[in-house]
């Protein structure tokens, strides 16, 4: 099963000494990260869209086979709230296209105050170019209706399976032939770590949902204290990921 396991971001100072050797300059952290994980979820574009030159530099700094998922701009998801998506989506894809073969899925994380709107979601997904992989992470319970599942499946977009408190926050709908999973916060000690039982349960869910040849991207967002690094390594062992 090609489960690609990584973390949400890589530029955390408290990872020095855990993931990055002491004294390694921050400008070389991406290279070090890419020696240890095959994928990363970049949150930079959520706050401020990097230039094409920055995306191109990330491509040059990472090895063949490395994959970078990109979290879409909050301008699209939180300010426009999926309305008038054409220009923000076009600009995002023009910029991150400089990643070339390193470009992985785009994540649309919706604000927790955004209630269900299947029509807006469908119109937004329609703006992405053919072949683009898009994962959607709604965070309001009103989204769990058949119409939303049909929109996602019709566009080939993946429902992001999200975890908080070592339990699923979302229905475990498989809406695409690939998957996307985010781990926000576990219940183990020290916080916000995940315990082995929780990680094993997620490995089983993934194995039950997708065939062995499917790509499944799994990212740990519980970065404080290096918990994401420790948990990503443990989960990679459980799923046999690269």
C-alpha atoms as a PDB file:
ATOM      1  CA  UNK A   1       0.000   0.000   0.000  1.00  0.00           C
ATOM      2  CA  UNK A   2       1.638   3.294  -1.052  1.00  0.00           C
ATOM      3  CA  UNK A   3       0.730   5.284   2.060  1.00  0.00           C
ATOM      4  CA  UNK A   4       2.731   8.514   2.026  1.00  0.00           C
ATOM      5  CA  UNK A   5       3.275   9.743   5.580  1.00  0.00           C
ATOM      6  CA  UNK A   6       4.566  13.161   6.605  1.00  0.00           C
ATOM      7  CA  UNK A   7       3.854  16.204   8.730  1.00  0.00           C
ATOM      8  CA  UNK A   8       1.936  19.447   8.284  1.00  0.00           C
ATOM      9  CA  UNK A   9       4.816  21.863   7.817  1.00  0.00           C
ATOM     10  CA  UNK A  10       8.505  21.460   8.548  1.00  0.00           C
ATOM     11  CA  UNK A  11       9.698  24.801   9.984  1.00  0.00           C
ATOM     12  CA  UNK A  12       9.251  24.252  13.715  1.00  0.00           C
ATOM     13  CA  UNK A  13      12.058  25.393  15.991  1.00  0.00           C
ATOM     14  CA  UNK A  14      11.321  22.803  18.672  1.00  0.00           C
ATOM     15  CA  UNK A  15      12.077  20.051  16.144  1.00  0.00           C
ATOM     16  CA  UNK A  16      15.772  20.937  16.311  1.00  0.00           C
ATOM     17  CA  UNK A  17      17.564  18.062  17.963  1.00  0.00           C
ATOM     18  CA  UNK A  18      14.710  15.675  17.129  1.00  0.00           C
ATOM     19  CA  UNK A  19      14.351  15.881  13.368  1.00  0.00           C
ATOM     20  CA  UNK A  20      17.113  18.372  12.598  1.00  0.00           C
ATOM     21  CA  UNK A  21      20.650  17.983  13.946  1.00  0.00           C
ATOM     22  CA  UNK A  22      21.657  20.638  16.447  1.00  0.00           C
ATOM     23  CA  UNK A  23      23.294  23.516  14.650  1.00  0.00           C
ATOM     24  CA  UNK A  24      21.772  22.696  11.258  1.00  0.00           C
ATOM     25  CA  UNK A  25      20.726  26.093   9.813  1.00  0.00           C
ATOM     26  CA  UNK A  26      17.014  26.553   9.201  1.00  0.00           C
ATOM     27  CA  UNK A  27      17.650  27.233   5.505  1.00  0.00           C
ATOM     28  CA  UNK A  28      18.652  23.555   5.168  1.00  0.00           C
ATOM     29  CA  UNK A  29      15.753  22.065   7.094  1.00  0.00           C
ATOM     30  CA  UNK A  30      13.713  21.162   4.023  1.00  0.00           C
ATOM     31  CA  UNK A  31      16.603  19.135   2.622  1.00  0.00           C
ATOM     32  CA  UNK A  32      16.959  17.334   5.956  1.00  0.00           C
ATOM     33  CA  UNK A  33      13.217  16.737   6.182  1.00  0.00           C
ATOM     34  CA  UNK A  34      13.103  15.280   2.664  1.00  0.00           C
ATOM     35  CA  UNK A  35      15.786  12.767   3.604  1.00  0.00           C
ATOM     36  CA  UNK A  36      13.507  11.390   6.314  1.00  0.00           C
ATOM     37  CA  UNK A  37       9.980  11.729   4.909  1.00  0.00           C
ATOM     38  CA  UNK A  38       8.611  11.308   1.400  1.00  0.00           C
ATOM     39  CA  UNK A  39       5.922  13.997   1.680  1.00  0.00           C
ATOM     40  CA  UNK A  40       5.018  17.204   3.492  1.00  0.00           C
ATOM     41  CA  UNK A  41       1.903  19.349   3.708  1.00  0.00           C
ATOM     42  CA  UNK A  42       2.801  23.002   3.133  1.00  0.00           C
ATOM     43  CA  UNK A  43       0.666  25.474   5.060  1.00  0.00           C
ATOM     44  CA  UNK A  44       2.491  28.552   3.726  1.00  0.00           C
ATOM     45  CA  UNK A  45      -0.028  29.211   0.956  1.00  0.00           C
ATOM     46  CA  UNK A  46      -2.875  29.335   3.485  1.00  0.00           C
ATOM     47  CA  UNK A  47      -1.431  32.501   5.014  1.00  0.00           C
ATOM     48  CA  UNK A  48       0.382  33.989   2.030  1.00  0.00           C
ATOM     49  CA  UNK A  49       0.730  32.414  -1.392  1.00  0.00           C
ATOM     50  CA  UNK A  50       4.417  31.804  -2.157  1.00  0.00           C
ATOM     51  CA  UNK A  51       5.778  32.995  -5.478  1.00  0.00           C
ATOM     52  CA  UNK A  52       6.334  30.564  -8.340  1.00  0.00           C
ATOM     53  CA  UNK A  53      10.055  31.049  -7.692  1.00  0.00           C
ATOM     54  CA  UNK A  54       9.655  29.816  -4.118  1.00  0.00           C
ATOM     55  CA  UNK A  55       7.750  26.730  -5.253  1.00  0.00           C
ATOM     56  CA  UNK A  56      10.417  26.116  -7.908  1.00  0.00           C
ATOM     57  CA  UNK A  57      13.146  26.401  -5.265  1.00  0.00           C
ATOM     58  CA  UNK A  58      11.361  23.836  -3.094  1.00  0.00           C
ATOM     59  CA  UNK A  59      11.288  21.528  -6.088  1.00  0.00           C
ATOM     60  CA  UNK A  60      15.028  21.902  -6.603  1.00  0.00           C
ATOM     61  CA  UNK A  61      15.759  21.304  -2.918  1.00  0.00           C
ATOM     62  CA  UNK A  62      13.883  17.985  -2.710  1.00  0.00           C
ATOM     63  CA  UNK A  63      14.679  14.592  -4.266  1.00  0.00           C
ATOM     64  CA  UNK A  64      12.853  12.718  -6.998  1.00  0.00           C
ATOM     65  CA  UNK A  65       9.718  11.095  -5.644  1.00  0.00           C
ATOM     66  CA  UNK A  66       9.126  13.708  -2.958  1.00  0.00           C
ATOM     67  CA  UNK A  67       5.546  15.060  -2.843  1.00  0.00           C
ATOM     68  CA  UNK A  68       4.323  18.373  -1.411  1.00  0.00           C
ATOM     69  CA  UNK A  69       0.647  18.866  -0.635  1.00  0.00           C
ATOM     70  CA  UNK A  70      -0.455  22.513  -0.601  1.00  0.00           C
ATOM     71  CA  UNK A  71      -3.076  24.000   1.693  1.00  0.00           C
ATOM     72  CA  UNK A  72      -5.200  26.460  -0.280  1.00  0.00           C
ATOM     73  CA  UNK A  73      -5.335  30.141   0.611  1.00  0.00           C
ATOM     74  CA  UNK A  74      -7.590  31.305   3.426  1.00  0.00           C
ATOM     75  CA  UNK A  75      -8.666  34.051   1.011  1.00  0.00           C
ATOM     76  CA  UNK A  76     -10.530  31.356  -0.930  1.00  0.00           C
ATOM     77  CA  UNK A  77     -11.777  29.277   1.993  1.00  0.00           C
ATOM     78  CA  UNK A  78     -12.214  31.704   4.897  1.00  0.00           C
ATOM     79  CA  UNK A  79     -12.675  35.178   3.373  1.00  0.00           C
ATOM     80  CA  UNK A  80     -14.496  34.391   0.112  1.00  0.00           C
ATOM     81  CA  UNK A  81     -15.952  31.240   1.723  1.00  0.00           C
ATOM     82  CA  UNK A  82     -15.728  29.400  -1.643  1.00  0.00           C
ATOM     83  CA  UNK A  83     -17.498  32.202  -3.502  1.00  0.00           C
ATOM     84  CA  UNK A  84     -16.004  33.601  -6.724  1.00  0.00           C
ATOM     85  CA  UNK A  85     -13.363  30.853  -6.758  1.00  0.00           C
ATOM     86  CA  UNK A  86     -12.075  31.235 -10.321  1.00  0.00           C
ATOM     87  CA  UNK A  87      -9.287  33.755  -9.738  1.00  0.00           C
ATOM     88  CA  UNK A  88      -7.952  32.391  -6.405  1.00  0.00           C
ATOM     89  CA  UNK A  89      -7.880  28.836  -7.761  1.00  0.00           C
ATOM     90  CA  UNK A  90      -6.211  29.925 -11.002  1.00  0.00           C
ATOM     91  CA  UNK A  91      -3.548  31.901  -9.141  1.00  0.00           C
ATOM     92  CA  UNK A  92      -2.909  29.058  -6.690  1.00  0.00           C
ATOM     93  CA  UNK A  93      -2.428  26.512  -9.454  1.00  0.00           C
ATOM     94  CA  UNK A  94      -0.268  28.857 -11.533  1.00  0.00           C
ATOM     95  CA  UNK A  95       2.061  29.376  -8.576  1.00  0.00           C
ATOM     96  CA  UNK A  96       2.232  25.837  -7.210  1.00  0.00           C
ATOM     97  CA  UNK A  97       2.609  24.466 -10.727  1.00  0.00           C
ATOM     98  CA  UNK A  98       6.278  25.385 -10.377  1.00  0.00           C
ATOM     99  CA  UNK A  99       6.596  22.331  -8.118  1.00  0.00           C
ATOM    100  CA  UNK A 100       6.277  20.199 -11.254  1.00  0.00           C
ATOM    101  CA  UNK A 101       6.240  16.503 -10.407  1.00  0.00           C
ATOM    102  CA  UNK A 102       6.613  17.316  -6.689  1.00  0.00           C
ATOM    103  CA  UNK A 103       3.071  18.746  -6.547  1.00  0.00           C
ATOM    104  CA  UNK A 104       0.653  16.590  -4.601  1.00  0.00           C
ATOM    105  CA  UNK A 105      -2.933  17.266  -3.529  1.00  0.00           C
ATOM    106  CA  UNK A 106      -4.393  20.671  -2.746  1.00  0.00           C
ATOM    107  CA  UNK A 107      -6.198  20.836   0.596  1.00  0.00           C
ATOM    108  CA  UNK A 108      -9.309  22.967   1.021  1.00  0.00           C
ATOM    109  CA  UNK A 109      -9.772  23.308   4.780  1.00  0.00           C
ATOM    110  CA  UNK A 110     -13.106  25.020   5.353  1.00  0.00           C
ATOM    111  CA  UNK A 111     -13.753  27.329   8.318  1.00  0.00           C
ATOM    112  CA  UNK A 112     -15.714  25.813  11.210  1.00  0.00           C
ATOM    113  CA  UNK A 113     -18.383  28.517  10.793  1.00  0.00           C
ATOM    114  CA  UNK A 114     -19.081  27.665   7.148  1.00  0.00           C
ATOM    115  CA  UNK A 115     -22.283  25.677   6.911  1.00  0.00           C
ATOM    116  CA  UNK A 116     -23.063  23.223   4.151  1.00  0.00           C
ATOM    117  CA  UNK A 117     -23.238  24.601   0.611  1.00  0.00           C
ATOM    118  CA  UNK A 118     -22.977  21.827  -1.989  1.00  0.00           C
ATOM    119  CA  UNK A 119     -23.441  24.235  -4.901  1.00  0.00           C
ATOM    120  CA  UNK A 120     -20.558  26.481  -3.837  1.00  0.00           C
ATOM    121  CA  UNK A 121     -18.329  23.470  -3.248  1.00  0.00           C
ATOM    122  CA  UNK A 122     -19.130  22.046  -6.664  1.00  0.00           C
ATOM    123  CA  UNK A 123     -18.461  25.377  -8.388  1.00  0.00           C
ATOM    124  CA  UNK A 124     -15.137  25.700  -6.595  1.00  0.00           C
ATOM    125  CA  UNK A 125     -14.000  22.179  -7.441  1.00  0.00           C
ATOM    126  CA  UNK A 126     -14.953  22.780 -11.079  1.00  0.00           C
ATOM    127  CA  UNK A 127     -12.303  25.534 -11.259  1.00  0.00           C
ATOM    128  CA  UNK A 128      -9.407  23.138 -10.698  1.00  0.00           C
ATOM    129  CA  UNK A 129      -7.687  21.829 -13.821  1.00  0.00           C
ATOM    130  CA  UNK A 130      -8.307  18.232 -14.934  1.00  0.00           C
ATOM    131  CA  UNK A 131      -6.090  15.808 -13.077  1.00  0.00           C
ATOM    132  CA  UNK A 132      -5.597  18.016 -10.036  1.00  0.00           C
ATOM    133  CA  UNK A 133      -6.077  16.195  -6.767  1.00  0.00           C
ATOM    134  CA  UNK A 134      -8.181  18.161  -4.294  1.00  0.00           C
ATOM    135  CA  UNK A 135      -8.987  17.131  -0.715  1.00  0.00           C
ATOM    136  CA  UNK A 136     -11.740  18.885   1.218  1.00  0.00           C
ATOM    137  CA  UNK A 137     -11.870  19.180   5.012  1.00  0.00           C
ATOM    138  CA  UNK A 138     -15.235  20.587   6.140  1.00  0.00           C
ATOM    139  CA  UNK A 139     -15.403  21.477   9.822  1.00  0.00           C
ATOM    140  CA  UNK A 140     -19.120  22.005  10.391  1.00  0.00           C
ATOM    141  CA  UNK A 141     -21.338  18.975  10.991  1.00  0.00           C
ATOM    142  CA  UNK A 142     -23.951  20.224   8.518  1.00  0.00           C
ATOM    143  CA  UNK A 143     -21.724  19.005   5.665  1.00  0.00           C
ATOM    144  CA  UNK A 144     -22.345  15.316   6.338  1.00  0.00           C
ATOM    145  CA  UNK A 145     -25.184  14.865   3.863  1.00  0.00           C
ATOM    146  CA  UNK A 146     -25.522  12.706   0.725  1.00  0.00           C
ATOM    147  CA  UNK A 147     -25.419  15.742  -1.587  1.00  0.00           C
ATOM    148  CA  UNK A 148     -21.918  16.649  -0.407  1.00  0.00           C
ATOM    149  CA  UNK A 149     -20.703  13.100  -0.810  1.00  0.00           C
ATOM    150  CA  UNK A 150     -22.088  13.096  -4.358  1.00  0.00           C
ATOM    151  CA  UNK A 151     -20.344  16.380  -5.219  1.00  0.00           C
ATOM    152  CA  UNK A 152     -17.008  15.088  -3.962  1.00  0.00           C
ATOM    153  CA  UNK A 153     -17.353  11.783  -5.783  1.00  0.00           C
ATOM    154  CA  UNK A 154     -18.545  13.478  -8.962  1.00  0.00           C
ATOM    155  CA  UNK A 155     -15.464  15.728  -9.010  1.00  0.00           C
ATOM    156  CA  UNK A 156     -13.025  12.998  -7.931  1.00  0.00           C
ATOM    157  CA  UNK A 157     -12.187  14.997  -4.802  1.00  0.00           C
ATOM    158  CA  UNK A 158     -11.263  13.251  -1.578  1.00  0.00           C
ATOM    159  CA  UNK A 159     -13.036  13.881   1.681  1.00  0.00           C
ATOM    160  CA  UNK A 160     -10.222  14.561   4.144  1.00  0.00           C
ATOM    161  CA  UNK A 161     -10.494  12.109   7.008  1.00  0.00           C
ATOM    162  CA  UNK A 162      -9.643  14.201  10.074  1.00  0.00           C
ATOM    163  CA  UNK A 163      -8.826  13.050  13.602  1.00  0.00           C
ATOM    164  CA  UNK A 164      -8.874  14.925  16.873  1.00  0.00           C
ATOM    165  CA  UNK A 165      -8.742  13.270  20.248  1.00  0.00           C
ATOM    166  CA  UNK A 166      -7.759   9.963  18.607  1.00  0.00           C
ATOM    167  CA  UNK A 167     -11.154   9.601  16.961  1.00  0.00           C
ATOM    168  CA  UNK A 168     -12.586  10.511  13.551  1.00  0.00           C
ATOM    169  CA  UNK A 169     -14.144  13.958  13.160  1.00  0.00           C
ATOM    170  CA  UNK A 170     -15.620  13.112   9.764  1.00  0.00           C
ATOM    171  CA  UNK A 171     -17.602  10.323   8.140  1.00  0.00           C
ATOM    172  CA  UNK A 172     -15.266   7.766   6.601  1.00  0.00           C
ATOM    173  CA  UNK A 173     -16.522   8.345   3.066  1.00  0.00           C
ATOM    174  CA  UNK A 174     -14.292   7.176   0.259  1.00  0.00           C
ATOM    175  CA  UNK A 175     -15.072   9.666  -2.496  1.00  0.00           C
ATOM    176  CA  UNK A 176     -11.991   9.258  -4.708  1.00  0.00           C
ATOM    177  CA  UNK A 177      -9.565   6.551  -5.757  1.00  0.00           C
ATOM    178  CA  UNK A 178      -6.982   8.147  -3.436  1.00  0.00           C
ATOM    179  CA  UNK A 179      -7.145   9.285   0.175  1.00  0.00           C
ATOM    180  CA  UNK A 180      -6.128  12.104   2.491  1.00  0.00           C
ATOM    181  CA  UNK A 181      -5.906  11.850   6.292  1.00  0.00           C
ATOM    182  CA  UNK A 182      -4.986  14.553   8.842  1.00  0.00           C
ATOM    183  CA  UNK A 183      -4.081  13.942  12.482  1.00  0.00           C
ATOM    184  CA  UNK A 184      -4.671  17.076  14.583  1.00  0.00           C
ATOM    185  CA  UNK A 185      -4.299  15.964  18.201  1.00  0.00           C
ATOM    186  CA  UNK A 186      -3.949  12.650  19.995  1.00  0.00           C
ATOM    187  CA  UNK A 187      -4.846  11.682  23.540  1.00  0.00           C
ATOM    188  CA  UNK A 188      -1.607  10.018  24.572  1.00  0.00           C
ATOM    189  CA  UNK A 189       1.042  11.332  26.948  1.00  0.00           C
ATOM    190  CA  UNK A 190       2.899  13.581  26.469  1.00  0.00           C
ATOM    191  CA  UNK A 191       0.223  15.649  24.704  1.00  0.00           C
ATOM    192  CA  UNK A 192      -0.595  15.923  21.843  1.00  0.00           C
ATOM    193  CA  UNK A 193       0.877  12.512  20.980  1.00  0.00           C
ATOM    194  CA  UNK A 194      -1.037   9.548  19.542  1.00  0.00           C
ATOM    195  CA  UNK A 195      -0.991   6.155  21.215  1.00  0.00           C
ATOM    196  CA  UNK A 196      -0.165   2.975  19.364  1.00  0.00           C
ATOM    197  CA  UNK A 197      -3.764   1.704  19.579  1.00  0.00           C
ATOM    198  CA  UNK A 198      -5.114   4.848  17.914  1.00  0.00           C
ATOM    199  CA  UNK A 199      -2.521   4.694  15.154  1.00  0.00           C
ATOM    200  CA  UNK A 200      -3.178   1.009  14.571  1.00  0.00           C
ATOM    201  CA  UNK A 201      -6.915   1.707  14.257  1.00  0.00           C
ATOM    202  CA  UNK A 202      -6.207   4.321  11.578  1.00  0.00           C
ATOM    203  CA  UNK A 203      -3.908   1.960   9.712  1.00  0.00           C
ATOM    204  CA  UNK A 204      -6.727  -0.592   9.662  1.00  0.00           C
ATOM    205  CA  UNK A 205      -9.272   1.981   8.438  1.00  0.00           C
ATOM    206  CA  UNK A 206      -7.008   2.929   5.556  1.00  0.00           C
ATOM    207  CA  UNK A 207      -6.328  -0.688   4.646  1.00  0.00           C
ATOM    208  CA  UNK A 208     -10.050  -1.476   4.698  1.00  0.00           C
ATOM    209  CA  UNK A 209     -11.001   1.523   2.534  1.00  0.00           C
ATOM    210  CA  UNK A 210      -8.439   1.541  -0.261  1.00  0.00           C
ATOM    211  CA  UNK A 211      -6.798  -1.120  -2.400  1.00  0.00           C
ATOM    212  CA  UNK A 212      -3.079  -1.678  -2.091  1.00  0.00           C
ATOM    213  CA  UNK A 213      -2.241   0.344  -5.190  1.00  0.00           C
ATOM    214  CA  UNK A 214      -4.107   3.514  -4.091  1.00  0.00           C
ATOM    215  CA  UNK A 215      -2.218   6.603  -2.971  1.00  0.00           C
ATOM    216  CA  UNK A 216      -3.144   7.680   0.551  1.00  0.00           C
ATOM    217  CA  UNK A 217      -1.570  10.827   2.007  1.00  0.00           C
ATOM    218  CA  UNK A 218      -1.357  11.029   5.817  1.00  0.00           C
ATOM    219  CA  UNK A 219      -0.170  14.152   7.637  1.00  0.00           C
ATOM    220  CA  UNK A 220       0.409  14.788  11.327  1.00  0.00           C
ATOM    221  CA  UNK A 221      -0.536  18.318  12.390  1.00  0.00           C
ATOM    222  CA  UNK A 222       0.212  17.844  16.116  1.00  0.00           C
ATOM    223  CA  UNK A 223       3.513  19.688  15.876  1.00  0.00           C
ATOM    224  CA  UNK A 224       4.155  20.872  19.504  1.00  0.00           C
ATOM    225  CA  UNK A 225       7.160  19.227  21.084  1.00  0.00           C
ATOM    226  CA  UNK A 226       7.878  17.215  17.964  1.00  0.00           C
ATOM    227  CA  UNK A 227       4.857  14.957  18.517  1.00  0.00           C
ATOM    228  CA  UNK A 228       4.122  14.988  14.779  1.00  0.00           C
ATOM    229  CA  UNK A 229       7.594  13.672  13.955  1.00  0.00           C
ATOM    230  CA  UNK A 230       7.424  10.834  16.473  1.00  0.00           C
ATOM    231  CA  UNK A 231       3.887   9.852  15.478  1.00  0.00           C
ATOM    232  CA  UNK A 232       4.571  10.065  11.734  1.00  0.00           C
ATOM    233  CA  UNK A 233       7.526   7.727  12.122  1.00  0.00           C
ATOM    234  CA  UNK A 234       5.443   5.276  14.162  1.00  0.00           C
ATOM    235  CA  UNK A 235       2.534   5.398  11.723  1.00  0.00           C
ATOM    236  CA  UNK A 236       4.834   4.872   8.764  1.00  0.00           C
ATOM    237  CA  UNK A 237       6.056   1.652  10.357  1.00  0.00           C
ATOM    238  CA  UNK A 238       2.471   0.471  10.902  1.00  0.00           C
ATOM    239  CA  UNK A 239       1.333   1.104   7.325  1.00  0.00           C
ATOM    240  CA  UNK A 240       4.580   0.057   5.676  1.00  0.00           C
ATOM    241  CA  UNK A 241       4.790   3.461   4.031  1.00  0.00           C
ATOM    242  CA  UNK A 242       7.822   4.795   2.236  1.00  0.00           C
END
